[in-house]
């Protein structure tokens, strides 16, 4: 009888894009090597093309009506569900973040915990931001004047290059919390946590197309998104100074909202509301108050 062995073949994970609720490979068929902080091979990530970027915009636009039309409370429930799913896959993300950013298990665990907390934080803001930035305006005349925030539309997000998970969520969550849909370009050198996040989103309650995750060369993917006529805004968090200037010029063609790169010393710090308000429009409604009785009193 031959001797049995307990050795198994290694089952490598195949990372894919996340577009429209599905997991396509890049239409170009290209991949690129992702390595850890010491240069060791981790995986082959899809190298997205311009066609992938356009497909992601189509998916984001298709999902925008349903997502922006959902109640703010419902969006909050869905974001909280994402946090629940991340908690269940915590160990996977601890490993991926540790390998991506060269962190020990303890520090990587702290980053993942902060990321999950960040999802919960934004989940709590979905039905409160309107009270902060909207309200009744005092006007001279017999009118009600009410302002309320509305989502901008499809937002392209260049994820931070150094903070592969906490930074990613810190720029993505405020976009979708306020009713926008997103096309995210993952960190070029550390895309694996972002691609795994797509798997979490697919198995949570987030409708397909609300978040689309692309990996590859940031400059190559960002250029068509900045020039795309159906992208309403762009967050340049992951762009260097030269690329940011080029993308801002391209974005001016259809008057996109542009959030310029801002240095962040500590992604764990409370982010405030700035990133939410950056991708909100303000709708103001005037309505006559009318008058009651011969005395001219009004309500």
Foldseek 3Di string as FASTA:
>chain_A
DDDDDPDDDDDADDFFWAAQLDGDAAPVPDWDFAFFPVRHTRYTYGAHAQVLLVRLLVLQQVCQVVQQPDALLVLLVQLLQLLVLCVVVLVVQLVLQCRHQVHDSVVSSVLSVLQSVLSNVLSVCLNPVQVVPWAWDDDPAQKTKTKGKGFQEEEEEEFAQNRQGLSRSLLPSLNSSRRYAYEYEGRANRNVVVSVSSVSSSPTPNRGSSYIYDYHDRLRNLQSQLQPLSHQAYEPQHPDPVSQVVSVVNNPVNDHQYHGHDDDPDSSPDPPCVSNVSRIDMDMDMDGQDADDPVGHTD
